[in-house]
Amino acid sequence: MSVPNVVVHRDGDVLAKAVAARIITRLVDVQSAKGSASLVLTGGTVGHATLAAIAATPARDAVDWHRLDIWWGDERFLPAGDPERNETGARKALLDHVELDPERVHVMRGPDSGMSAEESAESYAAELRKAARPEDHGPVPNFDVMLLGIGPDAHVASLFPGMPALYDTRPVVAVHGAPKPPPTRISLTLPTIQASREVWVVAAGEEKSGAVRLALSDSGPVQVPAAGARGRGRTLFLLDRTAAAKLPPGLGRIASP
């Protein structure tokens, strides 16, 4: 796994715009090199603000949206269209404003599909296996970019400290009894996250500063799941100044005044 690089931006608004610019550049570069690209989305305030920033910039038109696969790192096990679903927020912020191929938008199914949470996780794992290519050398695609938020407890996706999902080696799991609502979720596991070419952990706010510090220390991923959020080729922690407040001096590179 790659060693994390830390980039610190002035505030949450600048952070969202900077991450949006990074995403556009990365997707254009990947599509130029190999024709298509894959992006794993996250929820949360900064995640959706980043997608809205992509939608707001004319540079979004540099991306060939028809040749982009969209995935999610986790989802609340709620019916389609529920405002608490990560998918709902992503569609409102960006996906409904660009011309995507619907077959390449890979949604985690909710209870309205008739599936249980376990069946939804198995269905998503099957989609991942289908999308994986021989050069990926495993049961999931090597995603070009995976976006992850981080909670004050250092959870990523729906992998919460000390919970059984952190020991699971399957690509996708159902999570029950999550410590924040809703209690039932679907999540990629750490092996799937670590199969990504690039993992970007994005965080804003002072309440995230302790978790960010732990994630960049020598903590183990069972108690600090974000410590396991690493990409094969590159790992970025993209922070605002308040989220970076507890980092050791010199660890973060200031990217904006």
Protein backbone atom coordinates (compact mmCIF):
# COMPACT_ATOMS: atom_id res chain seq x y z
CA MET A 1 0.00 0.00 0.00
CA SER A 2 1.09 3.56 -0.66
CA VAL A 3 2.28 6.05 1.94
CA PRO A 4 -0.25 8.86 2.45
CA ASN A 5 0.41 12.37 1.23
CA VAL A 6 -1.38 15.20 3.04
CA VAL A 7 -2.58 18.39 1.37
CA VAL A 8 -4.19 21.12 3.46
CA HIS A 9 -6.56 23.77 2.05
CA ARG A 10 -7.77 26.99 3.64
CA ASP A 11 -11.36 25.99 4.38
CA GLY A 12 -14.10 23.57 3.41
CA ASP A 13 -15.27 25.54 0.41
CA VAL A 14 -11.79 25.74 -1.10
CA LEU A 15 -11.27 22.08 -0.27
CA ALA A 16 -14.40 20.99 -2.17
CA LYS A 17 -13.42 23.04 -5.23
CA ALA A 18 -9.84 21.75 -5.14
CA VAL A 19 -10.95 18.12 -4.88
CA ALA A 20 -13.39 18.70 -7.75
CA ALA A 21 -10.54 19.99 -9.90
CA ARG A 22 -8.39 17.00 -8.97
CA ILE A 23 -11.16 14.58 -9.90
CA ILE A 24 -11.71 16.17 -13.31
CA THR A 25 -7.99 16.14 -14.07
CA ARG A 26 -7.57 12.56 -12.94
CA LEU A 27 -10.56 11.26 -14.92
CA VAL A 28 -9.47 13.06 -18.09
CA ASP A 29 -5.95 11.66 -17.77
CA VAL A 30 -7.20 8.11 -17.19
CA GLN A 31 -9.69 8.27 -20.06
CA SER A 32 -6.98 9.59 -22.36
CA ALA A 33 -4.72 6.69 -21.40
CA LYS A 34 -7.15 3.78 -21.44
CA GLY A 35 -10.51 4.96 -22.76
CA SER A 36 -12.64 4.68 -19.63
CA ALA A 37 -12.36 5.46 -15.93
CA SER A 38 -13.92 4.49 -12.61
CA LEU A 39 -14.83 6.68 -9.65
CA VAL A 40 -16.08 5.58 -6.22
CA LEU A 41 -18.23 8.17 -4.47
CA THR A 42 -18.72 8.97 -0.81
CA GLY A 43 -21.51 10.74 1.01
CA GLY A 44 -21.37 13.43 3.66
CA THR A 45 -21.23 17.20 3.48
CA VAL A 46 -17.82 17.49 1.84
CA GLY A 47 -18.47 14.59 -0.52
CA HIS A 48 -21.64 16.15 -1.89
CA ALA A 49 -20.09 19.65 -1.92
CA THR A 50 -17.29 18.26 -4.08
CA LEU A 51 -19.79 16.81 -6.56
CA ALA A 52 -21.69 20.10 -6.65
CA ALA A 53 -18.40 21.89 -7.37
CA ILE A 54 -17.81 19.56 -10.32
CA ALA A 55 -21.30 20.30 -11.64
CA ALA A 56 -20.71 24.05 -11.31
CA THR A 57 -17.48 24.27 -13.31
CA PRO A 58 -17.35 24.37 -17.12
CA ALA A 59 -14.29 22.09 -16.85
CA ARG A 60 -16.66 19.18 -16.16
CA ASP A 61 -17.21 18.98 -19.92
CA ALA A 62 -13.64 17.75 -20.33
CA VAL A 63 -14.77 14.41 -18.86
CA ASP A 64 -16.41 11.89 -21.16
CA TRP A 65 -19.22 10.98 -18.77
CA HIS A 66 -20.43 8.14 -21.01
CA ARG A 67 -17.12 6.36 -20.42
CA LEU A 68 -17.18 6.62 -16.64
CA ASP A 69 -18.19 3.93 -14.16
CA ILE A 70 -19.69 5.27 -10.93
CA TRP A 71 -19.60 3.16 -7.77
CA TRP A 72 -20.25 3.83 -4.08
CA GLY A 73 -18.10 3.01 -1.08
CA ASP A 74 -21.14 2.50 1.11
CA GLU A 75 -24.86 3.10 1.26
CA ARG A 76 -27.57 3.40 3.87
CA PHE A 77 -29.98 0.47 3.48
CA LEU A 78 -32.95 2.68 2.68
CA PRO A 79 -35.40 2.81 -0.25
CA ALA A 80 -34.40 4.45 -3.54
CA GLY A 81 -34.93 8.20 -3.40
CA ASP A 82 -34.67 8.43 0.39
CA PRO A 83 -32.91 11.73 1.18
CA GLU A 84 -30.53 9.93 3.56
CA ARG A 85 -29.11 7.71 0.82
CA ASN A 86 -25.70 8.63 -0.56
CA GLU A 87 -27.03 7.94 -4.04
CA THR A 88 -29.81 10.51 -3.62
CA GLY A 89 -27.37 13.22 -2.61
CA ALA A 90 -24.98 12.36 -5.44
CA ARG A 91 -27.73 12.50 -8.03
CA LYS A 92 -28.91 15.88 -6.79
CA ALA A 93 -25.39 17.33 -6.63
CA LEU A 94 -23.97 15.99 -9.92
CA LEU A 95 -25.21 12.80 -11.51
CA ASP A 96 -28.52 14.21 -12.73
CA HIS A 97 -26.64 17.08 -14.41
CA VAL A 98 -24.27 15.08 -16.63
CA GLU A 99 -24.88 12.56 -19.41
CA LEU A 100 -23.94 9.26 -17.81
CA ASP A 101 -24.53 5.80 -19.19
CA PRO A 102 -27.17 4.42 -16.78
CA GLU A 103 -25.64 0.95 -17.13
CA ARG A 104 -22.40 2.28 -15.67
CA VAL A 105 -23.96 3.78 -12.54
CA HIS A 106 -23.68 0.97 -10.01
CA VAL A 107 -26.17 1.48 -7.19
CA MET A 108 -26.32 -0.45 -3.92
CA ARG A 109 -29.90 -1.71 -3.65
CA GLY A 110 -32.19 -0.88 -0.75
CA PRO A 111 -35.09 -2.76 0.87
CA ASP A 112 -37.51 -1.64 -1.87
CA SER A 113 -35.63 -3.98 -4.23
CA GLY A 114 -37.00 -6.95 -2.29
CA MET A 115 -33.48 -7.86 -1.18
CA SER A 116 -32.21 -8.23 2.35
CA ALA A 117 -29.08 -6.28 3.27
CA GLU A 118 -27.04 -9.47 2.84
CA GLU A 119 -28.53 -10.09 -0.59
CA SER A 120 -27.83 -6.48 -1.60
CA ALA A 121 -24.20 -6.87 -0.56
CA GLU A 122 -23.90 -10.12 -2.51
CA SER A 123 -25.50 -8.49 -5.56
CA TYR A 124 -23.01 -5.61 -5.44
CA ALA A 125 -20.12 -8.03 -5.06
CA ALA A 126 -21.37 -9.81 -8.19
CA GLU A 127 -21.36 -6.49 -10.08
CA LEU A 128 -17.81 -5.87 -8.96
CA ARG A 129 -16.70 -9.33 -10.09
CA LYS A 130 -18.32 -8.75 -13.47
CA ALA A 131 -16.52 -5.42 -13.87
CA ALA A 132 -13.10 -6.74 -12.81
CA ARG A 133 -10.65 -7.35 -15.65
CA PRO A 134 -7.80 -9.89 -15.81
CA GLU A 135 -5.26 -7.15 -15.15
CA ASP A 136 -7.02 -6.31 -11.87
CA HIS A 137 -5.84 -9.67 -10.46
CA GLY A 138 -8.77 -10.04 -8.09
CA PRO A 139 -12.53 -10.08 -7.59
CA VAL A 140 -12.97 -6.28 -7.82
CA PRO A 141 -11.87 -3.55 -10.23
CA ASN A 142 -8.80 -1.52 -9.36
CA PHE A 143 -10.77 1.72 -9.14
CA ASP A 144 -9.02 4.75 -10.57
CA VAL A 145 -10.16 7.02 -7.72
CA MET A 146 -11.94 6.13 -4.50
CA LEU A 147 -13.26 9.04 -2.47
CA LEU A 148 -13.75 8.46 1.25
CA GLY A 149 -14.95 10.64 4.05
CA ILE A 150 -13.83 10.09 7.62
CA GLY A 151 -15.96 10.24 10.75
CA PRO A 152 -14.96 11.70 14.12
CA ASP A 153 -14.59 8.07 15.26
CA ALA A 154 -12.24 7.42 12.29
CA HIS A 155 -14.74 5.28 10.38
CA VAL A 156 -14.58 5.18 6.59
CA ALA A 157 -17.35 3.97 4.29
CA SER A 158 -19.55 2.09 6.80
CA LEU A 159 -16.61 0.41 8.50
CA PHE A 160 -16.88 1.42 12.16
CA PRO A 161 -14.23 0.81 14.84
CA GLY A 162 -14.20 -2.67 16.29
CA MET A 163 -17.09 -4.01 14.21
CA PRO A 164 -17.03 -7.43 12.47
CA ALA A 165 -16.98 -5.92 8.97
CA LEU A 166 -13.35 -4.89 9.55
CA TYR A 167 -12.32 -8.54 9.68
CA ASP A 168 -14.32 -9.50 6.59
CA THR A 169 -12.42 -10.41 3.43
CA ARG A 170 -15.45 -10.47 1.14
CA PRO A 171 -15.65 -7.53 -1.29
CA VAL A 172 -18.91 -6.12 0.15
CA VAL A 173 -20.69 -6.67 3.45
CA ALA A 174 -23.98 -5.88 5.15
CA VAL A 175 -23.43 -3.86 8.31
CA HIS A 176 -25.92 -4.18 11.18
CA GLY A 177 -25.95 -2.15 14.38
CA ALA A 178 -23.99 0.80 13.02
CA PRO A 179 -23.38 3.34 15.82
CA LYS A 180 -24.91 6.15 13.76
CA PRO A 181 -28.29 5.98 12.01
CA PRO A 182 -29.47 4.21 10.05
CA PRO A 183 -28.13 1.06 11.72
CA THR A 184 -28.23 -1.12 8.59
CA ARG A 185 -25.84 -0.33 5.74
CA ILE A 186 -23.93 -1.83 2.84
CA SER A 187 -20.19 -1.24 2.64
CA LEU A 188 -17.10 -2.10 0.67
CA THR A 189 -14.52 -3.83 2.84
CA LEU A 190 -10.91 -2.85 3.45
CA PRO A 191 -9.52 -5.31 0.86
CA THR A 192 -11.76 -3.73 -1.79
CA ILE A 193 -10.74 -0.22 -0.74
CA GLN A 194 -7.07 -1.21 -0.83
CA ALA A 195 -7.46 -2.60 -4.36
CA SER A 196 -8.00 0.97 -5.64
CA ARG A 197 -5.27 2.62 -7.62
CA GLU A 198 -5.83 5.86 -5.69
CA VAL A 199 -7.64 6.48 -2.40
CA TRP A 200 -8.47 10.05 -1.42
CA VAL A 201 -9.66 10.70 2.14
CA VAL A 202 -11.42 14.07 2.28
CA ALA A 203 -12.17 15.81 5.56
CA ALA A 204 -13.23 19.24 6.80
CA GLY A 205 -13.99 20.46 10.30
CA GLU A 206 -12.30 20.48 13.68
CA GLU A 207 -14.36 17.48 14.83
CA LYS A 208 -12.42 15.36 12.31
CA SER A 209 -8.96 16.45 13.47
CA GLY A 210 -8.43 13.72 16.06
CA ALA A 211 -9.53 10.99 13.66
CA VAL A 212 -7.23 12.34 10.94
CA ARG A 213 -4.30 12.31 13.35
CA LEU A 214 -5.00 8.70 14.33
CA ALA A 215 -5.45 7.65 10.70
CA LEU A 216 -1.98 8.97 9.89
CA SER A 217 -0.34 7.40 12.92
CA ASP A 218 0.66 3.78 13.45
CA SER A 219 -2.84 2.80 14.57
CA GLY A 220 -4.34 -0.50 13.43
CA PRO A 221 -7.38 -0.48 11.14
CA VAL A 222 -9.62 -2.49 13.50
CA GLN A 223 -9.77 0.37 15.99
CA VAL A 224 -9.00 3.12 13.44
CA PRO A 225 -10.56 2.02 10.14
CA ALA A 226 -9.22 5.09 8.31
CA ALA A 227 -5.70 3.80 9.02
CA GLY A 228 -6.50 1.06 6.49
CA ALA A 229 -7.69 3.49 3.81
CA ARG A 230 -4.75 3.19 1.46
CA GLY A 231 -4.49 2.92 -2.32
CA ARG A 232 -2.16 0.69 -4.28
CA GLY A 233 -0.50 3.51 -6.12
CA ARG A 234 -1.42 6.68 -4.23
CA THR A 235 -3.13 7.79 -1.03
CA LEU A 236 -4.12 11.39 -0.42
CA PHE A 237 -5.52 13.00 2.71
CA LEU A 238 -7.18 16.18 1.43
CA LEU A 239 -8.04 18.39 4.40
CA ASP A 240 -9.08 21.85 5.42
CA ARG A 241 -7.03 23.61 8.08
CA THR A 242 -9.36 22.73 10.94
CA ALA A 243 -9.32 19.01 10.09
CA ALA A 244 -5.51 19.22 9.95
CA ALA A 245 -5.23 21.05 13.27
CA LYS A 246 -3.84 18.08 15.23
CA LEU A 247 -1.33 16.84 12.66
CA PRO A 248 2.34 16.85 13.67
CA PRO A 249 4.14 19.94 12.33
CA GLY A 250 5.39 19.52 8.80
CA LEU A 251 3.18 16.56 7.91
CA GLY A 252 0.71 18.52 5.79
CA ARG A 253 1.50 20.62 2.73
CA ILE A 254 -0.49 23.87 2.61
CA ALA A 255 -2.02 24.18 -0.84
CA SER A 256 -3.76 27.54 -0.48
CA PRO A 257 -3.20 30.72 1.53
